[in-house]
């Protein structure tokens, strides 16, 4: 929760302080926070998968054109 709150603007922090007891506001706030945190996990997972893919491609010793062809085939 702290990483999400630390990214809020002063206006958003003021709104949180004012509406902190409103159950509808808190529900929406929690949903937004969870959505952002899930996206960050997805970005991390995608980055790890890309690095793993690159390591495997390097181990196979493809030429640069073969690497490009493989990536194009995988994107279809």
C-alpha atoms as a PDB file:
ATOM      1  CA  UNK A   1       0.000   0.000   0.000  1.00  0.00           C
ATOM      2  CA  UNK A   2       2.836   2.393   0.809  1.00  0.00           C
ATOM      3  CA  UNK A   3       4.342   2.323  -2.726  1.00  0.00           C
ATOM      4  CA  UNK A   4       0.941   3.214  -4.184  1.00  0.00           C
ATOM      5  CA  UNK A   5       0.202   5.987  -1.693  1.00  0.00           C
ATOM      6  CA  UNK A   6       3.651   7.501  -2.133  1.00  0.00           C
ATOM      7  CA  UNK A   7       2.847   8.083  -5.813  1.00  0.00           C
ATOM      8  CA  UNK A   8      -0.348  10.018  -5.112  1.00  0.00           C
ATOM      9  CA  UNK A   9      -0.530  13.747  -5.782  1.00  0.00           C
ATOM     10  CA  UNK A  10      -1.220  16.160  -2.952  1.00  0.00           C
ATOM     11  CA  UNK A  11      -4.776  16.560  -4.248  1.00  0.00           C
ATOM     12  CA  UNK A  12      -5.319  12.788  -4.163  1.00  0.00           C
ATOM     13  CA  UNK A  13      -3.899  12.601  -0.629  1.00  0.00           C
ATOM     14  CA  UNK A  14      -6.251  15.375   0.492  1.00  0.00           C
ATOM     15  CA  UNK A  15      -9.196  13.552  -1.065  1.00  0.00           C
ATOM     16  CA  UNK A  16      -8.170  10.345   0.717  1.00  0.00           C
ATOM     17  CA  UNK A  17      -8.012  12.210   4.035  1.00  0.00           C
ATOM     18  CA  UNK A  18     -11.427  13.796   3.473  1.00  0.00           C
ATOM     19  CA  UNK A  19     -13.232  10.701   2.211  1.00  0.00           C
ATOM     20  CA  UNK A  20     -11.354   8.078   4.207  1.00  0.00           C
ATOM     21  CA  UNK A  21     -14.507   6.957   6.002  1.00  0.00           C
ATOM     22  CA  UNK A  22     -16.714   6.717   2.887  1.00  0.00           C
ATOM     23  CA  UNK A  23     -17.065   3.017   2.088  1.00  0.00           C
ATOM     24  CA  UNK A  24     -17.713   3.593  -1.638  1.00  0.00           C
ATOM     25  CA  UNK A  25     -14.632   5.809  -1.944  1.00  0.00           C
ATOM     26  CA  UNK A  26     -12.463   3.307  -0.043  1.00  0.00           C
ATOM     27  CA  UNK A  27     -13.745   0.463  -2.225  1.00  0.00           C
ATOM     28  CA  UNK A  28     -12.845   2.383  -5.411  1.00  0.00           C
ATOM     29  CA  UNK A  29      -9.497   3.450  -3.939  1.00  0.00           C
ATOM     30  CA  UNK A  30      -8.634  -0.149  -3.011  1.00  0.00           C
ATOM     31  CA  UNK A  31      -9.582  -1.376  -6.485  1.00  0.00           C
ATOM     32  CA  UNK A  32      -7.343   1.255  -8.152  1.00  0.00           C
ATOM     33  CA  UNK A  33      -4.473   0.424  -5.827  1.00  0.00           C
ATOM     34  CA  UNK A  34      -4.777  -3.321  -6.421  1.00  0.00           C
ATOM     35  CA  UNK A  35      -5.011  -2.810 -10.185  1.00  0.00           C
ATOM     36  CA  UNK A  36      -1.769  -0.831 -10.240  1.00  0.00           C
ATOM     37  CA  UNK A  37       0.050  -3.356  -8.085  1.00  0.00           C
ATOM     38  CA  UNK A  38      -1.069  -6.240 -10.309  1.00  0.00           C
ATOM     39  CA  UNK A  39       0.144  -4.387 -13.399  1.00  0.00           C
ATOM     40  CA  UNK A  40       3.562  -3.907 -11.837  1.00  0.00           C
ATOM     41  CA  UNK A  41       3.790  -7.666 -11.206  1.00  0.00           C
ATOM     42  CA  UNK A  42       2.860  -8.313 -14.828  1.00  0.00           C
ATOM     43  CA  UNK A  43       5.594  -5.923 -16.035  1.00  0.00           C
ATOM     44  CA  UNK A  44       8.137  -7.690 -13.836  1.00  0.00           C
ATOM     45  CA  UNK A  45       7.045 -11.099 -15.119  1.00  0.00           C
ATOM     46  CA  UNK A  46       7.241  -9.903 -18.733  1.00  0.00           C
ATOM     47  CA  UNK A  47      10.733  -8.532 -18.152  1.00  0.00           C
ATOM     48  CA  UNK A  48      11.914 -11.808 -16.623  1.00  0.00           C
ATOM     49  CA  UNK A  49      10.394 -13.787 -19.487  1.00  0.00           C
ATOM     50  CA  UNK A  50      12.140 -11.547 -22.043  1.00  0.00           C
ATOM     51  CA  UNK A  51      15.517 -12.016 -20.349  1.00  0.00           C
ATOM     52  CA  UNK A  52      14.993 -15.771 -20.172  1.00  0.00           C
ATOM     53  CA  UNK A  53      14.022 -15.835 -23.856  1.00  0.00           C
ATOM     54  CA  UNK A  54      17.121 -13.835 -24.810  1.00  0.00           C
ATOM     55  CA  UNK A  55      19.386 -16.203 -22.863  1.00  0.00           C
ATOM     56  CA  UNK A  56      17.889 -19.225 -24.591  1.00  0.00           C
ATOM     57  CA  UNK A  57      18.229 -17.625 -28.026  1.00  0.00           C
ATOM     58  CA  UNK A  58      21.891 -16.806 -27.340  1.00  0.00           C
ATOM     59  CA  UNK A  59      22.551 -20.392 -26.258  1.00  0.00           C
ATOM     60  CA  UNK A  60      21.224 -21.706 -29.566  1.00  0.00           C
ATOM     61  CA  UNK A  61      23.675 -19.498 -31.506  1.00  0.00           C
ATOM     62  CA  UNK A  62      21.177 -18.145 -34.041  1.00  0.00           C
ATOM     63  CA  UNK A  63      22.357 -15.553 -36.531  1.00  0.00           C
ATOM     64  CA  UNK A  64      20.776 -12.101 -36.146  1.00  0.00           C
ATOM     65  CA  UNK A  65      18.458 -12.740 -39.105  1.00  0.00           C
ATOM     66  CA  UNK A  66      17.385 -16.101 -37.646  1.00  0.00           C
ATOM     67  CA  UNK A  67      16.602 -14.381 -34.326  1.00  0.00           C
ATOM     68  CA  UNK A  68      14.440 -11.799 -36.082  1.00  0.00           C
ATOM     69  CA  UNK A  69      12.663 -14.515 -38.083  1.00  0.00           C
ATOM     70  CA  UNK A  70      11.964 -16.454 -34.875  1.00  0.00           C
ATOM     71  CA  UNK A  71      10.565 -13.399 -33.113  1.00  0.00           C
ATOM     72  CA  UNK A  72       8.325 -12.601 -36.096  1.00  0.00           C
ATOM     73  CA  UNK A  73       7.035 -16.185 -36.138  1.00  0.00           C
ATOM     74  CA  UNK A  74       6.319 -16.063 -32.402  1.00  0.00           C
ATOM     75  CA  UNK A  75       4.390 -12.797 -32.709  1.00  0.00           C
ATOM     76  CA  UNK A  76       1.900 -14.222 -35.199  1.00  0.00           C
END
